[in-house]
Amino acid sequence: MVNILFAFLLLIFLLPIYLLIFFFLLFFQGWPIFFYQKRVGKGFKVFNLLKYRTMNSDSNGPLVTVKDDPRITFLGKLIRKYKADELPQLFNILIGNLNFVGPRPEVPKYVNEQDFYFLNEIKPGLTDFSSILFSNEEKVLLNLGGIDKYKDILKIKLEVINYYLEVKSPWVDIKILIFTILSFLVPRLIKKKIKKDIYKKNPSLYDKITDVGI
């Protein structure tokens, strides 16, 4: 209930930004404005994750993108840079698909019940430690050799999720929200702080995160 109330208030507060992005996309890209992608939620139920469309409307191809993906429009690159394409997901929170904090929802192709066991108990979220650490995931994938390396990245992200589940508490969730906001201003400092905390409990995970260039 708290997530839904907060999402509603935030939608009202951010309405001018929503309208600005909406009309910019309408003018420069045309319809459709929004993009829907299947994701796996709590109880392994599939739902439509809502985003602003940042690719050409006739785009096909991999579900994962890398830096300088030719399918991404000029305006899409700008919107993605500031993660503004994720703003419509407040509606996903309103209808109960997401919480503000929790593991980011994954596409069905990469989900299995063993690795994603936590979906039996908790909802995915808008942000978490892994989404902050891998905020430049497209660049990381490009440096590692492309989309084929996504499963390697996903294994590390799942370990970060398991770390979150070990330390999960109301204070940790609040800290993640604060870190998410600050990561737009000082991303390196925030990632360094998260990695430092991870190192205290799991040095090997710290090394894996560092080895992929984060």
N, C-alpha and C. Protein backbone atom coordinates (compact mmCIF):
# COMPACT_ATOMS: atom_id res chain seq x y z
N MET A 1 0.82 -1.21 0.00
CA MET A 1 0.00 0.00 0.00
C MET A 1 0.85 1.26 0.00
N VAL A 2 1.96 1.22 0.74
CA VAL A 2 2.86 2.38 0.80
C VAL A 2 3.45 2.64 -0.58
N ASN A 3 3.85 1.56 -1.29
CA ASN A 3 4.41 1.71 -2.63
C ASN A 3 3.40 2.37 -3.57
N ILE A 4 2.15 1.92 -3.51
CA ILE A 4 1.11 2.45 -4.39
C ILE A 4 0.84 3.93 -4.09
N LEU A 5 0.74 4.28 -2.81
CA LEU A 5 0.49 5.67 -2.42
C LEU A 5 1.63 6.57 -2.85
N PHE A 6 2.85 6.13 -2.61
CA PHE A 6 4.02 6.92 -2.97
C PHE A 6 4.10 7.08 -4.49
N ALA A 7 3.79 6.02 -5.23
CA ALA A 7 3.82 6.08 -6.70
C ALA A 7 2.79 7.09 -7.21
N PHE A 8 1.61 7.09 -6.61
CA PHE A 8 0.55 8.02 -7.00
C PHE A 8 0.99 9.47 -6.77
N LEU A 9 1.54 9.75 -5.60
CA LEU A 9 2.00 11.10 -5.29
C LEU A 9 3.15 11.52 -6.21
N LEU A 10 4.03 10.59 -6.50
CA LEU A 10 5.16 10.89 -7.38
C LEU A 10 4.70 11.15 -8.80
N LEU A 11 3.70 10.42 -9.25
CA LEU A 11 3.14 10.65 -10.58
C LEU A 11 2.57 12.06 -10.71
N ILE A 12 1.89 12.50 -9.68
CA ILE A 12 1.33 13.86 -9.68
C ILE A 12 2.46 14.90 -9.72
N PHE A 13 3.47 14.68 -8.90
CA PHE A 13 4.60 15.61 -8.81
C PHE A 13 5.37 15.67 -10.13
N LEU A 14 5.52 14.53 -10.80
CA LEU A 14 6.32 14.45 -12.03
C LEU A 14 5.50 14.64 -13.30
N LEU A 15 4.22 14.95 -13.14
CA LEU A 15 3.34 15.07 -14.31
C LEU A 15 3.89 16.00 -15.39
N PRO A 16 4.44 17.18 -15.05
CA PRO A 16 4.99 18.05 -16.10
C PRO A 16 6.11 17.37 -16.90
N ILE A 17 6.95 16.58 -16.22
CA ILE A 17 8.04 15.88 -16.91
C ILE A 17 7.47 14.80 -17.81
N TYR A 18 6.47 14.08 -17.32
CA TYR A 18 5.81 13.05 -18.13
C TYR A 18 5.25 13.66 -19.42
N LEU A 19 4.56 14.78 -19.28
CA LEU A 19 3.95 15.42 -20.44
C LEU A 19 5.00 15.96 -21.40
N LEU A 20 6.09 16.50 -20.86
CA LEU A 20 7.17 17.02 -21.71
C LEU A 20 7.78 15.90 -22.55
N ILE A 21 8.11 14.79 -21.91
CA ILE A 21 8.68 13.66 -22.64
C ILE A 21 7.68 13.10 -23.64
N PHE A 22 6.42 13.01 -23.23
CA PHE A 22 5.37 12.49 -24.10
C PHE A 22 5.29 13.28 -25.40
N PHE A 23 5.23 14.61 -25.29
CA PHE A 23 5.06 15.42 -26.49
C PHE A 23 6.34 15.51 -27.32
N PHE A 24 7.50 15.44 -26.68
CA PHE A 24 8.76 15.38 -27.43
C PHE A 24 8.81 14.11 -28.27
N LEU A 25 8.46 12.98 -27.66
CA LEU A 25 8.46 11.72 -28.38
C LEU A 25 7.41 11.72 -29.49
N LEU A 26 6.26 12.28 -29.21
CA LEU A 26 5.20 12.35 -30.22
C LEU A 26 5.64 13.18 -31.42
N PHE A 27 6.29 14.30 -31.16
CA PHE A 27 6.70 15.20 -32.24
C PHE A 27 7.86 14.63 -33.05
N PHE A 28 8.87 14.07 -32.36
CA PHE A 28 10.08 13.63 -33.05
C PHE A 28 10.05 12.17 -33.50
N GLN A 29 9.24 11.33 -32.83
CA GLN A 29 9.22 9.91 -33.18
C GLN A 29 7.85 9.41 -33.65
N GLY A 30 6.80 10.08 -33.23
CA GLY A 30 5.46 9.63 -33.58
C GLY A 30 5.02 8.46 -32.72
N TRP A 31 3.90 7.85 -33.11
CA TRP A 31 3.37 6.72 -32.37
C TRP A 31 4.15 5.46 -32.68
N PRO A 32 4.16 4.48 -31.78
CA PRO A 32 3.65 4.53 -30.40
C PRO A 32 4.61 5.26 -29.47
N ILE A 33 4.08 5.82 -28.43
CA ILE A 33 4.89 6.54 -27.44
C ILE A 33 5.51 5.56 -26.46
N PHE A 34 4.74 4.54 -26.11
CA PHE A 34 5.18 3.60 -25.08
C PHE A 34 5.61 2.26 -25.68
N PHE A 35 6.40 1.56 -24.90
CA PHE A 35 6.93 0.26 -25.29
C PHE A 35 6.61 -0.72 -24.17
N TYR A 36 6.07 -1.86 -24.54
CA TYR A 36 5.73 -2.89 -23.56
C TYR A 36 6.66 -4.09 -23.76
N GLN A 37 7.19 -4.62 -22.66
CA GLN A 37 8.03 -5.81 -22.75
C GLN A 37 7.62 -6.80 -21.67
N LYS A 38 7.53 -8.06 -22.04
CA LYS A 38 7.17 -9.10 -21.08
C LYS A 38 8.28 -9.26 -20.05
N ARG A 39 7.90 -9.25 -18.77
CA ARG A 39 8.83 -9.50 -17.67
C ARG A 39 8.18 -10.47 -16.70
N VAL A 40 9.01 -11.09 -15.86
CA VAL A 40 8.52 -12.08 -14.91
C VAL A 40 8.43 -11.46 -13.52
N GLY A 41 7.25 -11.55 -12.92
CA GLY A 41 7.01 -10.94 -11.62
C GLY A 41 6.90 -11.97 -10.51
N LYS A 42 6.35 -11.52 -9.40
CA LYS A 42 6.19 -12.39 -8.23
C LYS A 42 5.32 -13.59 -8.59
N GLY A 43 5.74 -14.75 -8.08
CA GLY A 43 5.02 -15.98 -8.39
C GLY A 43 5.22 -16.44 -9.82
N PHE A 44 6.24 -15.87 -10.48
CA PHE A 44 6.58 -16.19 -11.87
C PHE A 44 5.46 -15.86 -12.84
N LYS A 45 4.64 -14.88 -12.46
CA LYS A 45 3.60 -14.40 -13.36
C LYS A 45 4.20 -13.37 -14.32
N VAL A 46 3.90 -13.51 -15.59
CA VAL A 46 4.43 -12.61 -16.61
C VAL A 46 3.54 -11.37 -16.71
N PHE A 47 4.15 -10.20 -16.78
CA PHE A 47 3.41 -8.95 -16.91
C PHE A 47 4.08 -8.06 -17.94
N ASN A 48 3.40 -7.01 -18.34
CA ASN A 48 3.94 -6.05 -19.30
C ASN A 48 4.63 -4.91 -18.57
N LEU A 49 5.94 -4.80 -18.76
CA LEU A 49 6.71 -3.69 -18.18
C LEU A 49 6.61 -2.50 -19.14
N LEU A 50 6.27 -1.36 -18.60
CA LEU A 50 6.01 -0.17 -19.42
C LEU A 50 7.22 0.75 -19.45
N LYS A 51 7.57 1.20 -20.65
CA LYS A 51 8.65 2.17 -20.84
C LYS A 51 8.26 3.14 -21.94
N TYR A 52 8.95 4.30 -21.96
CA TYR A 52 8.85 5.14 -23.13
C TYR A 52 9.62 4.46 -24.27
N ARG A 53 9.09 4.54 -25.47
CA ARG A 53 9.76 3.90 -26.61
C ARG A 53 11.00 4.70 -26.98
N THR A 54 12.15 4.02 -27.04
CA THR A 54 13.41 4.68 -27.39
C THR A 54 14.05 4.08 -28.64
N MET A 55 13.36 3.13 -29.27
CA MET A 55 13.88 2.50 -30.49
C MET A 55 12.95 2.81 -31.66
N ASN A 56 13.45 2.55 -32.87
CA ASN A 56 12.61 2.68 -34.05
C ASN A 56 11.40 1.77 -33.91
N SER A 57 10.26 2.23 -34.37
CA SER A 57 9.00 1.50 -34.15
C SER A 57 8.97 0.14 -34.83
N ASP A 58 9.79 -0.05 -35.86
CA ASP A 58 9.80 -1.33 -36.57
C ASP A 58 10.99 -2.20 -36.17
N SER A 59 11.58 -1.91 -35.00
CA SER A 59 12.78 -2.61 -34.57
C SER A 59 12.49 -4.05 -34.17
N ASN A 60 13.35 -4.94 -34.61
CA ASN A 60 13.35 -6.33 -34.17
C ASN A 60 14.77 -6.67 -33.74
N GLY A 61 14.92 -7.79 -33.10
CA GLY A 61 16.27 -8.19 -32.71
C GLY A 61 16.34 -8.62 -31.28
N PRO A 62 17.57 -8.62 -30.70
CA PRO A 62 17.79 -9.11 -29.34
C PRO A 62 16.98 -8.33 -28.31
N LEU A 63 16.64 -9.02 -27.21
CA LEU A 63 15.90 -8.39 -26.12
C LEU A 63 16.81 -7.49 -25.29
N VAL A 64 18.12 -7.71 -25.41
CA VAL A 64 19.12 -6.94 -24.66
C VAL A 64 19.81 -5.99 -25.63
N THR A 65 20.13 -4.79 -25.16
CA THR A 65 20.82 -3.82 -26.01
C THR A 65 22.24 -3.59 -25.53
N VAL A 66 23.10 -3.17 -26.47
CA VAL A 66 24.46 -2.78 -26.14
C VAL A 66 24.63 -1.31 -26.51
N LYS A 67 25.72 -0.73 -26.05
CA LYS A 67 25.98 0.68 -26.34
C LYS A 67 26.03 0.91 -27.85
N ASP A 68 25.45 2.02 -28.29
CA ASP A 68 25.40 2.41 -29.70
C ASP A 68 24.59 1.43 -30.55
N ASP A 69 23.61 0.78 -29.94
CA ASP A 69 22.71 -0.09 -30.68
C ASP A 69 22.01 0.76 -31.76
N PRO A 70 22.11 0.37 -33.04
CA PRO A 70 21.54 1.19 -34.12
C PRO A 70 20.02 1.31 -34.07
N ARG A 71 19.36 0.46 -33.29
CA ARG A 71 17.90 0.53 -33.19
C ARG A 71 17.44 1.70 -32.34
N ILE A 72 18.34 2.24 -31.49
CA ILE A 72 17.97 3.32 -30.57
C ILE A 72 17.97 4.65 -31.31
N THR A 73 16.92 5.43 -31.16
CA THR A 73 16.81 6.72 -31.82
C THR A 73 17.69 7.76 -31.11
N PHE A 74 17.87 8.90 -31.79
CA PHE A 74 18.67 9.98 -31.20
C PHE A 74 18.07 10.45 -29.89
N LEU A 75 16.75 10.71 -29.90
CA LEU A 75 16.08 11.14 -28.68
C LEU A 75 16.08 10.02 -27.65
N GLY A 76 15.98 8.78 -28.12
CA GLY A 76 16.02 7.63 -27.23
C GLY A 76 17.32 7.55 -26.44
N LYS A 77 18.44 7.87 -27.11
CA LYS A 77 19.74 7.86 -26.43
C LYS A 77 19.76 8.86 -25.28
N LEU A 78 19.18 10.03 -25.53
CA LEU A 78 19.16 11.07 -24.50
C LEU A 78 18.29 10.64 -23.32
N ILE A 79 17.12 10.08 -23.62
CA ILE A 79 16.21 9.64 -22.57
C ILE A 79 16.82 8.50 -21.76
N ARG A 80 17.48 7.56 -22.45
CA ARG A 80 18.10 6.43 -21.76
C ARG A 80 19.25 6.88 -20.87
N LYS A 81 19.97 7.90 -21.30
CA LYS A 81 21.13 8.38 -20.54
C LYS A 81 20.72 8.74 -19.11
N TYR A 82 19.53 9.31 -18.97
CA TYR A 82 19.05 9.73 -17.65
C TYR A 82 17.98 8.79 -17.09
N LYS A 83 17.87 7.60 -17.72
CA LYS A 83 16.93 6.55 -17.28
C LYS A 83 15.49 7.04 -17.28
N ALA A 84 15.20 8.08 -18.05
CA ALA A 84 13.84 8.62 -18.08
C ALA A 84 12.88 7.68 -18.79
N ASP A 85 13.41 6.75 -19.58
CA ASP A 85 12.52 5.78 -20.25
C ASP A 85 11.84 4.86 -19.24
N GLU A 86 12.39 4.81 -18.01
CA GLU A 86 11.83 3.95 -16.97
C GLU A 86 10.68 4.61 -16.20
N LEU A 87 10.48 5.91 -16.39
CA LEU A 87 9.48 6.63 -15.60
C LEU A 87 8.07 6.03 -15.67
N PRO A 88 7.62 5.55 -16.84
CA PRO A 88 6.27 4.97 -16.87
C PRO A 88 6.07 3.76 -15.96
N GLN A 89 7.17 3.20 -15.44
CA GLN A 89 7.03 2.03 -14.57
C GLN A 89 6.39 2.38 -13.22
N LEU A 90 6.21 3.66 -12.96
CA LEU A 90 5.42 4.03 -11.79
C LEU A 90 4.00 3.49 -11.93
N PHE A 91 3.51 3.37 -13.18
CA PHE A 91 2.20 2.77 -13.40
C PHE A 91 2.22 1.28 -13.06
N ASN A 92 3.36 0.61 -13.31
CA ASN A 92 3.50 -0.79 -12.92
C ASN A 92 3.43 -0.95 -11.40
N ILE A 93 3.94 0.05 -10.69
CA ILE A 93 3.85 0.02 -9.22
C ILE A 93 2.39 0.24 -8.80
N LEU A 94 1.72 1.17 -9.46
CA LEU A 94 0.33 1.46 -9.13
C LEU A 94 -0.58 0.25 -9.28
N ILE A 95 -0.34 -0.57 -10.32
CA ILE A 95 -1.22 -1.72 -10.55
C ILE A 95 -0.71 -2.98 -9.85
N GLY A 96 0.42 -2.85 -9.12
CA GLY A 96 0.86 -3.94 -8.28
C GLY A 96 1.86 -4.91 -8.86
N ASN A 97 2.44 -4.58 -10.04
CA ASN A 97 3.45 -5.46 -10.63
C ASN A 97 4.81 -5.32 -9.96
N LEU A 98 5.11 -4.10 -9.51
CA LEU A 98 6.43 -3.78 -8.96
C LEU A 98 6.32 -3.12 -7.60
N ASN A 99 7.42 -3.19 -6.84
CA ASN A 99 7.65 -2.33 -5.69
C ASN A 99 8.68 -1.29 -6.11
N PHE A 100 8.89 -0.29 -5.26
CA PHE A 100 9.96 0.67 -5.57
C PHE A 100 11.33 -0.02 -5.48
N VAL A 101 11.53 -0.81 -4.44
CA VAL A 101 12.82 -1.48 -4.25
C VAL A 101 12.63 -2.99 -4.35
N GLY A 102 13.50 -3.61 -5.11
CA GLY A 102 13.45 -5.06 -5.28
C GLY A 102 14.26 -5.44 -6.51
N PRO A 103 14.55 -6.71 -6.68
CA PRO A 103 15.31 -7.15 -7.86
C PRO A 103 14.61 -6.72 -9.14
N ARG A 104 15.37 -6.21 -10.09
CA ARG A 104 14.79 -5.79 -11.35
C ARG A 104 14.16 -6.99 -12.07
N PRO A 105 12.96 -6.82 -12.66
CA PRO A 105 12.31 -7.94 -13.35
C PRO A 105 13.05 -8.31 -14.64
N GLU A 106 13.13 -9.59 -14.90
CA GLU A 106 13.87 -10.09 -16.06
C GLU A 106 12.90 -10.60 -17.13
N VAL A 107 13.37 -10.65 -18.38
CA VAL A 107 12.55 -11.19 -19.46
C VAL A 107 12.44 -12.71 -19.29
N PRO A 108 11.32 -13.31 -19.70
CA PRO A 108 11.11 -14.74 -19.48
C PRO A 108 12.22 -15.63 -20.03
N LYS A 109 12.85 -15.21 -21.10
CA LYS A 109 13.89 -16.03 -21.74
C LYS A 109 14.99 -16.42 -20.78
N TYR A 110 15.31 -15.54 -19.84
CA TYR A 110 16.45 -15.76 -18.96
C TYR A 110 16.07 -16.23 -17.56
N VAL A 111 14.78 -16.47 -17.33
CA VAL A 111 14.32 -16.79 -15.98
C VAL A 111 14.09 -18.29 -15.81
N ASN A 112 14.57 -18.81 -14.70
CA ASN A 112 14.24 -20.18 -14.28
C ASN A 112 13.94 -20.16 -12.78
N GLU A 113 13.19 -21.13 -12.34
CA GLU A 113 12.71 -21.12 -10.95
C GLU A 113 13.83 -21.35 -9.94
N GLN A 114 14.92 -21.98 -10.36
CA GLN A 114 16.01 -22.24 -9.42
C GLN A 114 16.79 -20.95 -9.12
N ASP A 115 17.23 -20.25 -10.15
CA ASP A 115 18.03 -19.04 -9.94
C ASP A 115 17.19 -17.87 -9.45
N PHE A 116 15.92 -17.86 -9.82
CA PHE A 116 15.04 -16.75 -9.45
C PHE A 116 14.05 -17.17 -8.37
N TYR A 117 14.50 -18.02 -7.48
CA TYR A 117 13.67 -18.56 -6.40
C TYR A 117 12.98 -17.47 -5.58
N PHE A 118 13.64 -16.32 -5.49
CA PHE A 118 13.13 -15.22 -4.65
C PHE A 118 11.80 -14.68 -5.16
N LEU A 119 11.47 -14.95 -6.42
CA LEU A 119 10.20 -14.47 -6.96
C LEU A 119 9.01 -15.20 -6.35
N ASN A 120 9.27 -16.27 -5.64
CA ASN A 120 8.20 -16.94 -4.90
C ASN A 120 7.72 -16.11 -3.72
N GLU A 121 8.59 -15.21 -3.26
CA GLU A 121 8.31 -14.47 -2.02
C GLU A 121 8.16 -12.97 -2.21
N ILE A 122 8.91 -12.38 -3.14
CA ILE A 122 8.92 -10.92 -3.24
C ILE A 122 8.65 -10.45 -4.66
N LYS A 123 8.16 -9.21 -4.75
CA LYS A 123 7.95 -8.59 -6.05
C LYS A 123 9.26 -8.03 -6.58
N PRO A 124 9.39 -7.98 -7.89
CA PRO A 124 10.52 -7.23 -8.46
C PRO A 124 10.36 -5.75 -8.12
N GLY A 125 11.40 -4.98 -8.40
CA GLY A 125 11.35 -3.56 -8.04
C GLY A 125 11.82 -2.64 -9.15
N LEU A 126 11.64 -1.36 -8.90
CA LEU A 126 12.10 -0.33 -9.83
C LEU A 126 13.61 -0.15 -9.74
N THR A 127 14.16 -0.39 -8.55
CA THR A 127 15.60 -0.21 -8.37
C THR A 127 16.12 -1.15 -7.30
N ASP A 128 17.41 -1.48 -7.40
CA ASP A 128 18.09 -2.29 -6.38
C ASP A 128 19.59 -2.08 -6.54
N PHE A 129 20.38 -2.78 -5.76
CA PHE A 129 21.83 -2.62 -5.84
C PHE A 129 22.35 -2.94 -7.24
N SER A 130 21.85 -4.03 -7.83
CA SER A 130 22.37 -4.45 -9.14
C SER A 130 22.03 -3.44 -10.23
N SER A 131 20.85 -2.84 -10.17
CA SER A 131 20.49 -1.86 -11.21
C SER A 131 21.35 -0.61 -11.11
N ILE A 132 21.77 -0.26 -9.89
CA ILE A 132 22.66 0.89 -9.72
C ILE A 132 24.06 0.54 -10.22
N LEU A 133 24.56 -0.62 -9.82
CA LEU A 133 25.90 -1.03 -10.24
C LEU A 133 25.98 -1.19 -11.76
N PHE A 134 24.92 -1.75 -12.35
CA PHE A 134 24.93 -2.01 -13.79
C PHE A 134 24.12 -0.97 -14.56
N SER A 135 24.14 0.26 -14.09
CA SER A 135 23.43 1.33 -14.77
C SER A 135 23.99 1.57 -16.17
N ASN A 136 25.24 1.22 -16.37
CA ASN A 136 25.87 1.34 -17.69
C ASN A 136 26.05 -0.04 -18.32
N GLU A 137 25.07 -0.90 -18.12
CA GLU A 137 25.15 -2.29 -18.59
C GLU A 137 25.43 -2.39 -20.09
N GLU A 138 24.85 -1.49 -20.88
CA GLU A 138 25.05 -1.54 -22.33
C GLU A 138 26.53 -1.36 -22.67
N LYS A 139 27.20 -0.47 -21.96
CA LYS A 139 28.63 -0.24 -22.18
C LYS A 139 29.44 -1.44 -21.70
N VAL A 140 29.06 -2.00 -20.55
CA VAL A 140 29.76 -3.17 -20.01
C VAL A 140 29.68 -4.34 -21.00
N LEU A 141 28.49 -4.58 -21.54
CA LEU A 141 28.31 -5.67 -22.50
C LEU A 141 29.16 -5.45 -23.74
N LEU A 142 29.19 -4.21 -24.22
CA LEU A 142 30.00 -3.91 -25.40
C LEU A 142 31.47 -4.19 -25.15
N ASN A 143 31.95 -3.79 -23.98
CA ASN A 143 33.36 -4.00 -23.63
C ASN A 143 33.71 -5.48 -23.47
N LEU A 144 32.71 -6.26 -23.02
CA LEU A 144 32.95 -7.70 -22.81
C LEU A 144 32.82 -8.52 -24.09
N GLY A 145 32.26 -7.91 -25.13
CA GLY A 145 32.16 -8.64 -26.39
C GLY A 145 30.78 -8.74 -26.98
N GLY A 146 29.78 -8.09 -26.35
CA GLY A 146 28.46 -8.05 -26.94
C GLY A 146 27.39 -8.80 -26.18
N ILE A 147 26.24 -8.93 -26.82
CA ILE A 147 25.04 -9.49 -26.20
C ILE A 147 25.25 -10.91 -25.71
N ASP A 148 26.11 -11.66 -26.37
CA ASP A 148 26.34 -13.06 -25.98
C ASP A 148 26.87 -13.18 -24.56
N LYS A 149 27.40 -12.10 -24.02
CA LYS A 149 27.95 -12.11 -22.67
C LYS A 149 26.90 -11.77 -21.61
N TYR A 150 25.65 -11.57 -22.03
CA TYR A 150 24.63 -11.15 -21.06
C TYR A 150 24.42 -12.19 -19.96
N LYS A 151 24.47 -13.46 -20.30
CA LYS A 151 24.26 -14.49 -19.28
C LYS A 151 25.35 -14.44 -18.21
N ASP A 152 26.56 -14.07 -18.62
CA ASP A 152 27.65 -13.92 -17.63
C ASP A 152 27.36 -12.75 -16.70
N ILE A 153 26.84 -11.65 -17.27
CA ILE A 153 26.46 -10.50 -16.46
C ILE A 153 25.31 -10.86 -15.53
N LEU A 154 24.35 -11.61 -16.05
CA LEU A 154 23.18 -11.98 -15.26
C LEU A 154 23.57 -12.80 -14.03
N LYS A 155 24.55 -13.68 -14.17
CA LYS A 155 25.00 -14.47 -13.03
C LYS A 155 25.51 -13.58 -11.91
N ILE A 156 26.24 -12.53 -12.28
CA ILE A 156 26.76 -11.60 -11.27
C ILE A 156 25.61 -10.81 -10.66
N LYS A 157 24.67 -10.38 -11.49
CA LYS A 157 23.51 -9.64 -10.99
C LYS A 157 22.71 -10.48 -10.00
N LEU A 158 22.58 -11.76 -10.28
CA LEU A 158 21.86 -12.64 -9.37
C LEU A 158 22.59 -12.78 -8.04
N GLU A 159 23.92 -12.78 -8.07
CA GLU A 159 24.68 -12.83 -6.82
C GLU A 159 24.49 -11.54 -6.02
N VAL A 160 24.40 -10.41 -6.74
CA VAL A 160 24.16 -9.13 -6.06
C VAL A 160 22.76 -9.14 -5.44
N ILE A 161 21.79 -9.73 -6.14
CA ILE A 161 20.43 -9.85 -5.60
C ILE A 161 20.44 -10.71 -4.34
N ASN A 162 21.19 -11.80 -4.37
CA ASN A 162 21.29 -12.65 -3.18
C ASN A 162 21.93 -11.90 -2.02
N TYR A 163 22.90 -11.05 -2.33
CA TYR A 163 23.49 -10.20 -1.29
C TYR A 163 22.42 -9.27 -0.70
N TYR A 164 21.62 -8.67 -1.58
CA TYR A 164 20.55 -7.78 -1.11
C TYR A 164 19.58 -8.54 -0.20
N LEU A 165 19.24 -9.76 -0.57
CA LEU A 165 18.30 -10.54 0.23
C LEU A 165 18.87 -10.88 1.61
N GLU A 166 20.20 -11.01 1.68
CA GLU A 166 20.85 -11.30 2.97
C GLU A 166 20.79 -10.10 3.90
N VAL A 167 20.91 -8.90 3.34
CA VAL A 167 20.98 -7.69 4.18
C VAL A 167 19.66 -6.91 4.19
N LYS A 168 18.66 -7.42 3.52
CA LYS A 168 17.40 -6.71 3.34
C LYS A 168 16.78 -6.27 4.66
N SER A 169 16.37 -5.01 4.70
CA SER A 169 15.68 -4.43 5.85
C SER A 169 15.05 -3.12 5.38
N PRO A 170 14.13 -2.56 6.16
CA PRO A 170 13.55 -1.25 5.76
C PRO A 170 14.63 -0.19 5.55
N TRP A 171 15.65 -0.18 6.41
CA TRP A 171 16.72 0.81 6.27
C TRP A 171 17.50 0.59 4.98
N VAL A 172 17.78 -0.66 4.64
CA VAL A 172 18.51 -0.95 3.40
C VAL A 172 17.70 -0.49 2.19
N ASP A 173 16.39 -0.71 2.22
CA ASP A 173 15.53 -0.26 1.11
C ASP A 173 15.55 1.26 0.98
N ILE A 174 15.51 1.95 2.11
CA ILE A 174 15.59 3.41 2.08
C ILE A 174 16.95 3.85 1.53
N LYS A 175 17.99 3.15 1.95
CA LYS A 175 19.34 3.48 1.47
C LYS A 175 19.44 3.29 -0.04
N ILE A 176 18.81 2.24 -0.56
CA ILE A 176 18.83 2.00 -2.00
C ILE A 176 18.13 3.14 -2.74
N LEU A 177 17.01 3.62 -2.20
CA LEU A 177 16.31 4.74 -2.83
C LEU A 177 17.18 5.99 -2.85
N ILE A 178 17.86 6.24 -1.73
CA ILE A 178 18.76 7.40 -1.65
C ILE A 178 19.92 7.23 -2.62
N PHE A 179 20.51 6.04 -2.64
CA PHE A 179 21.62 5.77 -3.56
C PHE A 179 21.19 5.94 -5.02
N THR A 180 19.96 5.51 -5.32
CA THR A 180 19.47 5.62 -6.70
C THR A 180 19.42 7.08 -7.14
N ILE A 181 18.92 7.96 -6.26
CA ILE A 181 18.86 9.39 -6.58
C ILE A 181 20.26 9.97 -6.72
N LEU A 182 21.12 9.64 -5.76
CA LEU A 182 22.49 10.19 -5.78
C LEU A 182 23.31 9.65 -6.95
N SER A 183 22.95 8.47 -7.45
CA SER A 183 23.73 7.86 -8.54
C SER A 183 23.63 8.67 -9.83
N PHE A 184 22.60 9.52 -9.95
CA PHE A 184 22.51 10.40 -11.11
C PHE A 184 23.49 11.55 -11.01
N LEU A 185 23.90 11.87 -9.79
CA LEU A 185 24.80 13.00 -9.55
C LEU A 185 26.25 12.55 -9.43
N VAL A 186 26.47 11.50 -8.64
CA VAL A 186 27.84 11.01 -8.40
C VAL A 186 27.86 9.49 -8.56
N PRO A 187 27.68 8.98 -9.78
CA PRO A 187 27.56 7.53 -9.97
C PRO A 187 28.77 6.73 -9.50
N ARG A 188 29.95 7.23 -9.77
CA ARG A 188 31.16 6.48 -9.37
C ARG A 188 31.26 6.35 -7.86
N LEU A 189 30.96 7.42 -7.16
CA LEU A 189 31.04 7.41 -5.70
C LEU A 189 30.03 6.43 -5.10
N ILE A 190 28.81 6.40 -5.64
CA ILE A 190 27.78 5.51 -5.13
C ILE A 190 28.13 4.05 -5.42
N LYS A 191 28.61 3.79 -6.62
CA LYS A 191 29.00 2.41 -6.95
C LYS A 191 30.16 1.95 -6.07
N LYS A 192 31.08 2.86 -5.81
CA LYS A 192 32.21 2.53 -4.94
C LYS A 192 31.73 2.19 -3.53
N LYS A 193 30.75 2.94 -3.04
CA LYS A 193 30.19 2.71 -1.70
C LYS A 193 29.49 1.35 -1.65
N ILE A 194 28.69 1.02 -2.67
CA ILE A 194 28.00 -0.27 -2.71
C ILE A 194 29.00 -1.42 -2.77
N LYS A 195 30.01 -1.26 -3.60
CA LYS A 195 31.04 -2.31 -3.72
C LYS A 195 31.78 -2.51 -2.40
N LYS A 196 32.03 -1.41 -1.70
CA LYS A 196 32.71 -1.50 -0.41
C LYS A 196 31.89 -2.30 0.58
N ASP A 197 30.57 -2.06 0.60
CA ASP A 197 29.68 -2.80 1.50
C ASP A 197 29.62 -4.28 1.12
N ILE A 198 29.61 -4.55 -0.19
CA ILE A 198 29.58 -5.94 -0.66
C ILE A 198 30.86 -6.66 -0.27
N TYR A 199 31.98 -5.96 -0.36
CA TYR A 199 33.28 -6.56 -0.04
C TYR A 199 33.32 -7.09 1.39
N LYS A 200 32.66 -6.38 2.30
CA LYS A 200 32.67 -6.79 3.71
C LYS A 200 32.02 -8.15 3.92
N LYS A 201 31.02 -8.49 3.10
CA LYS A 201 30.31 -9.75 3.26
C LYS A 201 30.71 -10.80 2.22
N ASN A 202 31.15 -10.33 1.05
CA ASN A 202 31.41 -11.27 -0.05
C ASN A 202 32.53 -10.75 -0.94
N PRO A 203 33.79 -10.92 -0.53
CA PRO A 203 34.92 -10.42 -1.33
C PRO A 203 34.97 -10.97 -2.74
N SER A 204 34.59 -12.23 -2.92
CA SER A 204 34.65 -12.82 -4.26
C SER A 204 33.65 -12.15 -5.20
N LEU A 205 32.49 -11.76 -4.70
CA LEU A 205 31.52 -11.04 -5.52
C LEU A 205 32.06 -9.66 -5.87
N TYR A 206 32.71 -9.03 -4.93
CA TYR A 206 33.36 -7.75 -5.20
C TYR A 206 34.33 -7.88 -6.37
N ASP A 207 35.12 -8.93 -6.38
CA ASP A 207 36.09 -9.15 -7.45
C ASP A 207 35.40 -9.35 -8.80
N LYS A 208 34.30 -10.09 -8.80
CA LYS A 208 33.56 -10.34 -10.06
C LYS A 208 33.01 -9.03 -10.63
N ILE A 209 32.49 -8.20 -9.75
CA ILE A 209 31.93 -6.91 -10.19
C ILE A 209 33.05 -6.04 -10.76
N THR A 210 34.18 -6.04 -10.09
CA THR A 210 35.31 -5.23 -10.54
C THR A 210 35.86 -5.75 -11.86
N ASP A 211 35.90 -7.07 -12.03
CA ASP A 211 36.46 -7.66 -13.24
C ASP A 211 35.69 -7.33 -14.50
N VAL A 212 34.40 -7.01 -14.39
CA VAL A 212 33.63 -6.65 -15.58
C VAL A 212 33.67 -5.15 -15.85
N GLY A 213 34.46 -4.43 -15.07
CA GLY A 213 34.68 -3.02 -15.35
C GLY A 213 33.81 -2.06 -14.59
N ILE A 214 33.28 -2.50 -13.44
CA ILE A 214 32.44 -1.60 -12.63
C ILE A 214 33.20 -1.18 -11.38
